[in-house]
Protein backbone atom coordinates (compact mmCIF):
# COMPACT_ATOMS: atom_id res chain seq x y z
CA MET A 1 1.03 26.68 -23.84
CA ALA A 2 0.02 23.12 -24.73
CA HIS A 3 -3.67 22.37 -24.11
CA VAL A 4 -5.66 19.45 -22.66
CA VAL A 5 -8.54 18.01 -24.61
CA VAL A 6 -11.53 16.73 -22.67
CA ILE A 7 -13.78 14.38 -24.59
CA GLY A 8 -17.44 14.16 -23.47
CA ALA A 9 -19.70 16.86 -22.00
CA GLY A 10 -21.42 14.70 -19.42
CA ARG A 11 -21.08 14.89 -15.67
CA SER A 12 -17.51 13.52 -15.72
CA GLY A 13 -16.30 15.63 -18.59
CA MET A 14 -17.71 18.80 -17.12
CA ALA A 15 -16.13 18.08 -13.70
CA VAL A 16 -12.77 17.50 -15.33
CA THR A 17 -13.10 20.67 -17.41
CA ALA A 18 -13.89 22.71 -14.24
CA HIS A 19 -11.10 21.12 -12.36
CA LEU A 20 -8.45 21.77 -15.00
CA ALA A 21 -9.65 25.28 -15.81
CA GLY A 22 -9.49 26.11 -12.13
CA GLN A 23 -5.84 25.26 -12.24
CA GLY A 24 -5.24 27.69 -15.11
CA ILE A 25 -4.79 24.94 -17.63
CA ASP A 26 -5.81 25.55 -21.28
CA VAL A 27 -8.74 23.19 -21.96
CA ILE A 28 -10.79 22.41 -25.01
CA LEU A 29 -13.99 20.35 -24.61
CA THR A 30 -15.26 18.26 -27.46
CA ASP A 31 -18.54 16.22 -27.72
CA ARG A 32 -20.35 14.41 -30.60
CA ARG A 33 -23.59 16.17 -29.76
CA PRO A 34 -24.41 18.91 -32.35
CA GLU A 35 -24.68 21.56 -29.65
CA PRO A 36 -24.44 21.86 -25.87
CA ASP A 37 -27.35 21.84 -23.53
CA PRO A 38 -28.08 25.24 -21.97
CA LEU A 39 -26.47 24.42 -18.61
CA SER A 40 -23.23 23.07 -20.17
CA ALA A 41 -23.00 26.13 -22.44
CA GLN A 42 -23.39 28.40 -19.39
CA GLN A 43 -20.71 26.51 -17.46
CA LEU A 44 -18.27 26.57 -20.36
CA THR A 45 -18.79 30.33 -20.85
CA ALA A 46 -18.17 30.96 -17.11
CA LEU A 47 -14.95 28.85 -17.28
CA ASN A 48 -13.84 30.53 -20.52
CA VAL A 49 -13.39 27.07 -22.08
CA PRO A 50 -14.15 26.62 -25.82
CA GLY A 51 -16.38 23.76 -26.93
CA VAL A 52 -16.22 21.87 -30.19
CA TRP A 53 -19.47 20.12 -31.10
CA GLY A 54 -20.60 17.52 -33.53
CA ASP A 55 -17.27 15.73 -33.98
CA HIS A 56 -13.75 15.30 -32.60
CA PRO A 57 -11.59 16.94 -35.35
CA LEU A 58 -8.03 15.61 -35.51
CA ALA A 59 -6.74 19.23 -35.50
CA LEU A 60 -7.46 19.33 -31.79
CA LEU A 61 -4.40 17.00 -31.33
CA ASP A 62 -2.04 19.65 -32.59
CA GLY A 63 -0.42 21.27 -29.61
CA CYS A 64 -2.21 18.84 -27.27
CA ARG A 65 -0.31 17.44 -24.26
CA GLU A 66 -2.99 15.09 -22.80
CA ILE A 67 -6.44 13.87 -23.44
CA VAL A 68 -9.00 13.12 -20.59
CA LEU A 69 -11.56 10.71 -21.87
CA SER A 70 -15.11 10.51 -20.34
CA PRO A 71 -16.12 7.01 -19.33
CA GLY A 72 -19.06 6.99 -21.81
CA VAL A 73 -16.68 7.47 -24.73
CA PRO A 74 -14.91 4.24 -25.87
CA PRO A 75 -11.13 4.38 -26.39
CA SER A 76 -11.71 2.71 -29.77
CA ILE A 77 -12.83 5.93 -31.45
CA PRO A 78 -10.57 7.09 -34.26
CA PHE A 79 -9.62 10.31 -32.42
CA ILE A 80 -8.15 8.35 -29.49
CA GLN A 81 -6.51 5.82 -31.73
CA GLU A 82 -4.78 8.69 -33.62
CA ALA A 83 -3.79 10.28 -30.35
CA MET A 84 -2.17 7.04 -29.16
CA HIS A 85 -0.43 6.69 -32.47
CA ARG A 86 1.10 10.10 -31.93
CA GLY A 87 2.18 9.06 -28.46
CA LEU A 88 -0.07 11.38 -26.60
CA SER A 89 -1.21 10.60 -23.02
CA VAL A 90 -4.78 9.43 -22.80
CA ILE A 91 -6.33 9.05 -19.34
CA GLY A 92 -9.80 9.17 -17.73
CA GLU A 93 -11.30 11.29 -14.96
CA LEU A 94 -10.45 8.75 -12.34
CA GLU A 95 -6.71 8.82 -13.15
CA LEU A 96 -6.69 12.63 -13.28
CA ALA A 97 -8.37 12.89 -9.89
CA HIS A 98 -5.99 10.28 -8.36
CA ARG A 99 -2.99 12.25 -9.60
CA THR A 100 -4.21 15.41 -7.98
CA LEU A 101 -5.25 13.76 -4.78
CA ARG A 102 -1.91 12.01 -4.27
CA ALA A 103 0.02 15.20 -5.02
CA ARG A 104 -1.74 16.74 -2.05
CA ASN A 105 -0.37 14.07 0.30
CA ASP A 106 -3.15 14.95 2.72
CA GLY A 107 -3.74 11.58 4.35
CA SER A 108 -6.72 10.69 2.25
CA THR A 109 -7.63 7.04 1.48
CA LEU A 110 -9.37 5.58 -1.52
CA LEU A 111 -11.75 2.66 -0.82
CA ALA A 112 -13.00 1.55 -4.27
CA VAL A 113 -15.96 -0.51 -5.18
CA THR A 114 -16.72 -2.20 -8.48
CA GLY A 115 -18.80 -5.11 -9.83
CA THR A 116 -21.80 -5.45 -12.17
CA ASN A 117 -24.49 -5.08 -9.49
CA GLY A 118 -24.67 -3.46 -6.06
CA LYS A 119 -21.87 -0.91 -6.57
CA SER A 120 -23.92 2.13 -5.62
CA THR A 121 -25.52 0.57 -2.55
CA THR A 122 -22.19 -0.70 -1.30
CA THR A 123 -20.40 2.56 -1.95
CA ASP A 124 -23.10 4.62 -0.29
CA LEU A 125 -23.27 2.18 2.67
CA LEU A 126 -19.50 2.29 3.05
CA ALA A 127 -19.54 6.05 3.43
CA HIS A 128 -22.42 5.74 5.90
CA LEU A 129 -20.51 3.33 8.06
CA LEU A 130 -17.36 5.49 8.13
CA LYS A 131 -19.42 8.49 9.08
CA ALA A 132 -21.04 6.51 11.85
CA ALA A 133 -17.46 6.02 13.15
CA GLY A 134 -16.81 9.73 13.01
CA ILE A 135 -14.41 9.37 10.04
CA PRO A 136 -14.65 12.02 7.35
CA SER A 137 -16.05 10.30 4.23
CA VAL A 138 -17.72 10.99 1.02
CA ALA A 139 -19.47 8.62 -1.56
CA CYS A 140 -18.41 9.51 -5.03
CA GLY A 141 -17.38 8.33 -8.47
CA ASN A 142 -19.76 6.54 -10.81
CA LEU A 143 -22.37 6.87 -8.00
CA GLY A 144 -22.93 10.46 -8.86
CA THR A 145 -20.37 13.03 -7.97
CA PRO A 146 -17.04 12.61 -9.90
CA LEU A 147 -14.00 12.24 -7.72
CA THR A 148 -12.56 15.41 -9.22
CA ALA A 149 -15.51 17.34 -7.86
CA ALA A 150 -15.84 15.51 -4.57
CA MET A 151 -12.24 16.04 -3.42
CA ASP A 152 -12.43 19.82 -3.67
CA ASP A 153 -14.44 20.28 -0.51
CA GLN A 154 -12.99 17.54 1.68
CA SER A 155 -10.74 17.70 4.75
CA HIS A 156 -7.42 16.06 5.62
CA GLY A 157 -7.65 12.31 6.05
CA THR A 158 -10.97 11.85 4.11
CA ARG A 159 -11.98 8.36 3.16
CA TYR A 160 -13.31 8.35 -0.45
CA ALA A 161 -15.89 5.67 -0.91
CA LEU A 162 -15.44 5.43 -4.66
CA GLU A 163 -17.72 3.62 -7.06
CA CYS A 164 -15.75 2.57 -10.19
CA SER A 165 -17.24 1.39 -13.41
CA SER A 166 -15.49 -0.76 -15.86
CA TYR A 167 -15.43 2.17 -18.28
CA GLN A 168 -13.60 4.26 -15.73
CA LEU A 169 -11.14 1.52 -14.89
CA GLU A 170 -10.21 1.07 -18.56
CA THR A 171 -8.20 4.35 -18.49
CA ILE A 172 -6.35 4.15 -15.23
CA ARG A 173 -2.58 4.15 -15.12
CA ASP A 174 -1.22 4.79 -11.68
CA PHE A 175 -4.52 4.67 -9.77
CA HIS A 176 -4.10 3.10 -6.41
CA ALA A 177 -6.80 2.19 -3.97
CA GLU A 178 -5.89 1.30 -0.35
CA GLY A 179 -8.92 -0.93 -0.16
CA ALA A 180 -10.91 -2.32 -3.17
CA VAL A 181 -13.60 -4.82 -3.79
CA ILE A 182 -15.20 -6.62 -6.76
CA LEU A 183 -18.67 -7.55 -5.71
CA ASN A 184 -19.73 -9.72 -8.62
CA LEU A 185 -19.52 -10.10 -12.35
CA THR A 186 -22.37 -10.94 -14.76
CA PRO A 187 -22.69 -10.31 -18.48
CA ASP A 188 -22.89 -6.53 -19.01
CA HIS A 189 -21.32 -3.83 -21.28
CA LEU A 190 -20.28 -6.53 -23.77
CA ALA A 191 -20.99 -4.19 -26.64
CA ARG A 192 -18.15 -2.09 -25.27
CA HIS A 193 -15.74 -4.81 -23.87
CA GLY A 194 -16.47 -7.42 -26.52
CA THR A 195 -16.03 -10.45 -24.22
CA MET A 196 -16.56 -11.45 -20.61
CA GLU A 197 -12.75 -11.93 -20.35
CA ALA A 198 -12.15 -8.31 -21.42
CA TYR A 199 -14.89 -7.12 -19.02
CA LEU A 200 -13.28 -9.03 -16.17
CA ASP A 201 -9.83 -7.66 -16.96
CA ALA A 202 -11.18 -4.10 -16.92
CA LYS A 203 -12.75 -4.76 -13.43
CA LEU A 204 -9.65 -6.41 -12.03
CA ARG A 205 -7.56 -3.32 -12.77
CA ILE A 206 -9.02 -1.92 -9.56
CA PHE A 207 -6.41 -4.05 -7.72
CA GLU A 208 -3.37 -3.58 -9.97
CA ARG A 209 -1.34 -1.00 -7.94
CA GLN A 210 -2.12 -2.42 -4.47
CA SER A 211 0.66 -3.15 -2.01
CA PRO A 212 0.66 -5.86 0.77
CA ALA A 213 -0.70 -3.25 3.22
CA ASP A 214 -3.81 -2.80 0.97
CA LEU A 215 -7.11 -4.79 1.10
CA ARG A 216 -8.19 -6.92 -1.88
CA LEU A 217 -11.70 -8.09 -1.27
CA THR A 218 -13.46 -10.60 -3.55
CA PRO A 219 -16.59 -12.87 -3.27
CA ALA A 220 -15.92 -16.32 -1.71
CA SER A 221 -18.34 -17.81 -4.24
CA ASP A 222 -16.00 -17.17 -7.23
CA PRO A 223 -12.24 -17.76 -6.72
CA THR A 224 -11.51 -16.49 -10.20
CA PHE A 225 -11.32 -12.89 -9.00
CA ASP A 226 -8.62 -13.60 -6.43
CA ALA A 227 -6.73 -16.05 -8.72
CA PHE A 228 -6.38 -13.51 -11.54
CA ALA A 229 -6.16 -10.31 -9.58
CA PRO A 230 -3.08 -8.20 -10.25
CA GLY A 231 -1.22 -6.31 -7.62
CA HIS A 232 -0.11 -7.45 -4.16
CA GLY A 233 -3.11 -6.58 -1.96
CA ARG A 234 -3.98 -8.63 1.11
CA SER A 235 -6.71 -11.05 0.11
CA ALA A 236 -10.02 -11.23 1.99
CA LYS A 237 -13.34 -12.95 1.15
CA PHE A 238 -16.97 -12.25 1.77
CA GLY A 239 -19.99 -14.56 1.33
CA TRP A 240 -22.18 -17.31 2.87
CA GLY A 241 -19.60 -19.65 4.21
CA ALA A 242 -16.94 -19.13 6.89
CA PRO A 243 -13.69 -18.02 5.18
CA LYS A 244 -10.49 -19.89 5.74
CA GLY A 245 -8.83 -16.63 6.69
CA PHE A 246 -9.56 -12.93 6.68
CA GLY A 247 -12.99 -11.92 5.64
CA ALA A 248 -16.74 -11.73 6.48
CA TRP A 249 -19.64 -14.06 6.17
CA CYS A 250 -23.33 -14.67 7.05
CA ASP A 251 -24.14 -17.97 8.67
CA PRO A 252 -27.28 -20.07 8.15
CA ASP A 253 -28.91 -18.39 11.15
CA GLY A 254 -28.42 -15.01 9.60
CA VAL A 255 -25.66 -13.89 11.92
CA ILE A 256 -23.09 -11.59 10.20
CA TRP A 257 -19.45 -12.34 11.26
CA LEU A 258 -16.18 -10.49 10.68
CA VAL A 259 -12.93 -12.46 10.80
CA ASP A 260 -9.63 -10.66 11.34
CA ASP A 261 -6.19 -11.40 10.02
CA GLY A 262 -5.44 -13.76 12.87
CA GLY A 263 -8.59 -15.80 12.22
CA LYS A 264 -10.55 -14.42 15.20
CA ALA A 265 -14.31 -14.29 14.38
CA GLU A 266 -16.57 -11.71 15.86
CA PRO A 267 -20.39 -11.79 15.47
CA LEU A 268 -21.71 -8.36 14.61
CA MET A 269 -25.53 -8.60 14.21
CA ASN A 270 -28.29 -10.59 12.52
CA ARG A 271 -29.26 -9.79 8.99
CA ARG A 272 -32.78 -9.20 10.11
CA GLU A 273 -31.58 -5.94 11.64
CA LEU A 274 -30.67 -4.57 8.17
CA LYS A 275 -33.16 -2.17 6.73
CA ILE A 276 -32.13 -3.12 3.18
CA PRO A 277 -33.72 -6.40 2.23
CA GLY A 278 -32.44 -9.28 0.13
CA ASP A 279 -29.51 -11.63 -0.12
CA HIS A 280 -27.67 -9.26 -2.40
CA ASN A 281 -27.83 -6.51 0.16
CA VAL A 282 -26.39 -8.89 2.74
CA GLU A 283 -23.42 -9.38 0.42
CA ASN A 284 -23.18 -5.61 -0.02
CA ALA A 285 -23.31 -5.16 3.72
CA LEU A 286 -20.48 -7.68 4.21
CA ALA A 287 -18.25 -5.96 1.69
CA ALA A 288 -18.93 -2.49 3.05
CA ALA A 289 -18.27 -3.61 6.63
CA LEU A 290 -14.84 -5.04 5.74
CA LEU A 291 -13.88 -1.98 3.76
CA ALA A 292 -15.12 0.32 6.63
CA ARG A 293 -13.07 -1.63 9.12
CA HIS A 294 -9.98 -1.32 6.84
CA GLY A 295 -10.72 2.43 6.65
CA GLY A 296 -10.55 2.74 10.46
CA ALA A 297 -14.13 2.12 11.62
CA ASP A 298 -14.58 0.13 14.81
CA ASP A 299 -17.01 -2.71 15.04
CA GLN A 300 -19.47 -0.87 17.24
CA ALA A 301 -19.80 1.97 14.71
CA ILE A 302 -20.18 -0.63 11.84
CA VAL A 303 -23.05 -2.26 13.64
CA SER A 304 -24.69 1.06 14.31
CA GLY A 305 -24.30 2.05 10.71
CA LEU A 306 -25.64 -1.19 9.32
CA ARG A 307 -28.73 -0.99 11.56
CA THR A 308 -29.51 2.64 10.49
CA TYR A 309 -28.71 2.57 6.76
CA PRO A 310 -32.06 3.23 4.97
CA GLY A 311 -30.96 2.27 1.41
CA LEU A 312 -29.56 4.21 -1.46
CA ALA A 313 -32.76 6.13 -2.25
CA HIS A 314 -36.16 6.36 -0.63
CA ARG A 315 -38.67 4.28 -2.60
CA ILE A 316 -36.56 4.34 -5.77
CA ALA A 317 -35.92 0.95 -7.44
CA PHE A 318 -32.98 0.64 -9.77
CA CYS A 319 -34.26 -1.44 -12.77
CA GLY A 320 -31.76 -1.29 -15.56
CA GLU A 321 -28.73 0.19 -17.11
CA LYS A 322 -27.20 0.52 -20.58
CA ASN A 323 -24.46 2.62 -22.01
CA GLY A 324 -24.03 4.51 -18.73
CA VAL A 325 -27.66 5.38 -18.43
CA LYS A 326 -29.49 4.10 -15.29
CA ALA A 327 -33.29 3.78 -14.98
CA TYR A 328 -35.14 4.12 -11.68
CA ASN A 329 -38.76 3.21 -10.98
CA ASP A 330 -40.50 5.48 -8.46
CA SER A 331 -43.99 4.83 -9.60
CA LYS A 332 -45.08 5.17 -6.02
CA GLY A 333 -44.22 8.84 -6.31
CA THR A 334 -47.88 9.79 -6.79
CA ASN A 335 -47.63 13.33 -5.39
CA VAL A 336 -45.33 16.26 -5.68
CA ASP A 337 -43.81 15.78 -2.24
CA ALA A 338 -42.85 12.17 -3.08
CA THR A 339 -41.29 13.27 -6.38
CA MET A 340 -39.33 15.97 -4.58
CA THR A 341 -37.77 13.24 -2.32
CA ALA A 342 -36.93 11.21 -5.48
CA ILE A 343 -35.22 14.15 -7.16
CA LYS A 344 -33.13 14.85 -4.07
CA ALA A 345 -32.10 11.19 -3.88
CA LEU A 346 -30.43 11.08 -7.36
CA PRO A 347 -27.46 13.18 -8.43
CA GLY A 348 -28.57 13.84 -12.00
CA PRO A 349 -28.50 14.70 -14.81
CA LEU A 350 -32.13 13.54 -14.81
CA VAL A 351 -34.61 12.66 -17.54
CA LEU A 352 -37.78 12.87 -15.43
CA LEU A 353 -41.10 11.38 -16.48
CA LEU A 354 -43.91 13.41 -15.01
CA GLY A 355 -47.66 13.14 -15.40
CA GLY A 356 -50.65 10.87 -15.02
CA GLN A 357 -53.92 11.69 -13.25
CA GLY A 358 -53.40 14.91 -11.37
CA LYS A 359 -54.45 15.65 -7.84
CA GLY A 360 -54.98 19.35 -8.20
CA THR A 361 -51.69 20.35 -6.55
CA PRO A 362 -49.14 22.59 -8.23
CA PHE A 363 -45.93 21.20 -9.83
CA GLU A 364 -44.06 24.45 -9.32
CA PRO A 365 -42.28 23.23 -6.14
CA LEU A 366 -40.25 20.80 -8.32
CA ARG A 367 -38.57 23.65 -10.23
CA SER A 368 -36.00 24.64 -7.70
CA LEU A 369 -34.89 21.03 -7.04
CA LEU A 370 -34.41 20.44 -10.74
CA GLU A 371 -32.10 23.35 -11.18
CA GLY A 372 -28.65 22.17 -12.18
CA LYS A 373 -29.55 18.53 -12.47
CA LEU A 374 -32.24 18.34 -15.19
CA ARG A 375 -31.49 16.94 -18.61
CA ARG A 376 -35.13 16.91 -19.76
CA LEU A 377 -38.76 16.49 -18.53
CA ILE A 378 -41.13 14.17 -20.30
CA PHE A 379 -44.77 15.17 -19.83
CA LEU A 380 -47.31 12.39 -20.14
CA GLY A 381 -50.86 11.54 -19.32
CA GLU A 382 -53.88 13.64 -18.48
CA THR A 383 -51.97 16.29 -16.61
CA ILE A 384 -50.07 17.48 -19.68
CA PRO A 385 -51.87 20.91 -19.83
CA GLN A 386 -51.09 21.71 -16.21
CA LEU A 387 -47.49 20.57 -16.63
CA GLU A 388 -47.08 22.72 -19.80
CA ALA A 389 -48.56 25.68 -18.01
CA GLU A 390 -46.39 25.39 -14.87
CA LEU A 391 -43.10 23.87 -16.03
CA GLY A 392 -43.26 24.34 -19.77
CA ASP A 393 -40.38 26.84 -19.85
CA LEU A 394 -38.02 23.98 -18.77
CA PRO A 395 -36.47 21.68 -21.27
CA HIS A 396 -39.28 19.11 -22.01
CA THR A 397 -40.96 16.82 -24.44
CA THR A 398 -44.69 16.11 -24.40
CA ILE A 399 -45.82 12.55 -25.22
CA GLN A 400 -49.24 11.43 -23.92
CA PRO A 401 -49.00 7.62 -24.14
CA PHE A 402 -46.99 6.04 -21.41
CA ASP A 403 -45.01 3.53 -23.47
CA ASP A 404 -44.02 6.15 -26.04
CA ALA A 405 -42.99 8.58 -23.26
CA VAL A 406 -40.73 5.97 -21.59
CA GLY A 407 -39.26 5.07 -24.99
CA GLU A 408 -38.40 8.75 -25.64
CA ALA A 409 -36.86 9.16 -22.18
CA LEU A 410 -34.59 6.16 -22.69
CA ARG A 411 -33.70 7.33 -26.16
CA ILE A 412 -32.59 10.85 -25.26
CA ALA A 413 -30.74 9.99 -22.10
CA GLN A 414 -26.97 10.38 -22.30
CA PRO A 415 -24.17 8.40 -20.49
CA GLY A 416 -24.30 9.31 -16.83
CA ASP A 417 -27.96 10.32 -16.85
CA GLN A 418 -30.66 8.83 -14.75
CA VAL A 419 -34.07 8.14 -16.29
CA LEU A 420 -36.48 8.55 -13.39
CA LEU A 421 -40.18 7.69 -13.36
CA SER A 422 -41.49 9.65 -10.48
CA PRO A 423 -44.76 11.02 -11.91
CA ALA A 424 -46.08 13.18 -9.06
CA CYS A 425 -49.45 11.95 -10.13
CA ALA A 426 -51.84 9.01 -9.75
CA SER A 427 -51.78 6.31 -12.37
CA PHE A 428 -55.47 5.86 -13.07
CA ASP A 429 -55.54 7.63 -16.40
CA GLN A 430 -53.66 4.71 -18.05
CA PHE A 431 -53.21 2.07 -15.32
CA ASN A 432 -55.20 0.42 -12.57
CA ASN A 433 -52.65 1.32 -9.90
CA PHE A 434 -49.16 2.62 -9.41
CA GLU A 435 -47.87 -0.95 -9.10
CA GLU A 436 -49.05 -1.80 -12.66
CA ARG A 437 -47.46 1.43 -13.93
CA GLY A 438 -44.15 0.57 -12.28
CA GLU A 439 -44.16 -3.00 -13.62
CA ARG A 440 -44.81 -1.68 -17.09
CA PHE A 441 -41.94 0.76 -16.75
CA GLU A 442 -39.55 -1.97 -15.58
CA ALA A 443 -40.66 -4.18 -18.51
CA LEU A 444 -39.90 -1.47 -20.98
CA VAL A 445 -36.56 -0.80 -19.35
CA LYS A 446 -35.67 -4.45 -19.47
CA VAL A 447 -36.31 -4.66 -23.15
CA TRP A 448 -34.28 -1.53 -23.76
CA ALA A 449 -31.35 -2.80 -21.63
CA GLU A 450 -31.20 -6.12 -23.37
CA ASN A 451 -31.39 -4.74 -26.97
């Protein structure tokens, strides 16, 4: 039987591997890393899937019927170029999941979100609004849980709030979202895409299979998106001025309005009632509200959901991304309970920075929460001896100085990982307060992201 090659052993690749193996398909996983991490090795053994490590040998193409490429792996690598030269099918996890979902014909709907910034919040908020309306919904995709994994446990008629990265959209073919939004576009991932034009083209692919019954949502501040969007979706706008037609906006008094197809405007609420602060989150709320309405939520449920949404993660501040690695500042996590909350809030895999000035409490309670989502612990600061004693059997690196520890965390993180500063300790061994520690972390992340 012809086999399928999955490239990349990150979250997406492992989800694809499990999905295909569960269907009885012969799968081979390959990754450039010299060897698998213990969790991946354990999962592959359980699935009876062979792994090829250190390179992608061309011999894997012999007898191959399809290749599923993880988003962190660029299609420009020689292995993929040779596969295309041989006429082999090359798709990504998003396309594979879409194929399976549509074959089910179970009434599910895809509501897709992309953009440079705000994707995760908008996706998570969208799922929250749909749930407030009593509609089955799950937030998934680039946000954390791959679509291939999320769809396994969902019921008939589920609305999938799906975060899509440009890397994921590069490899779609028949992917079709009933509702989709591009939130914004600023320079990002240019090392991968080369130019802003190529980056925009990748993002616009989210619309390319839409029909007139589908929703195409773009920011009113930039008509470029709508002008160049492929597909035949019904155009709607969101932003800070009243749209000429279908859309959503926030007026100068802070009132949020939804405008239907017929031009009828309905005030929903004032932005002051949102728990998520900032103009960017108002825009995220407008986009999420329109998609939720398109997904079947009524206005009353949308208002209730907007009023109650607490934010993507308690206390965690997203502060940078590069090559599929996201960094989060939770310097306020100065005790074990706070760090437990932060670990719960992120999907993993995590590179977690722990340590500082200890408070005499045990770190052992972190262990169970890290199971299945830990890439590596970075021990730093005065509490290194206690951390080594209590958590030293977990994968870890010990680096006392803060800057060096952060640098190592960012260096070893892999595409799809989250680097999380949530130290479970006070900051006074190396900083005056947790604010200063967090600012230093964000400064280091900024340098990393820009270089």
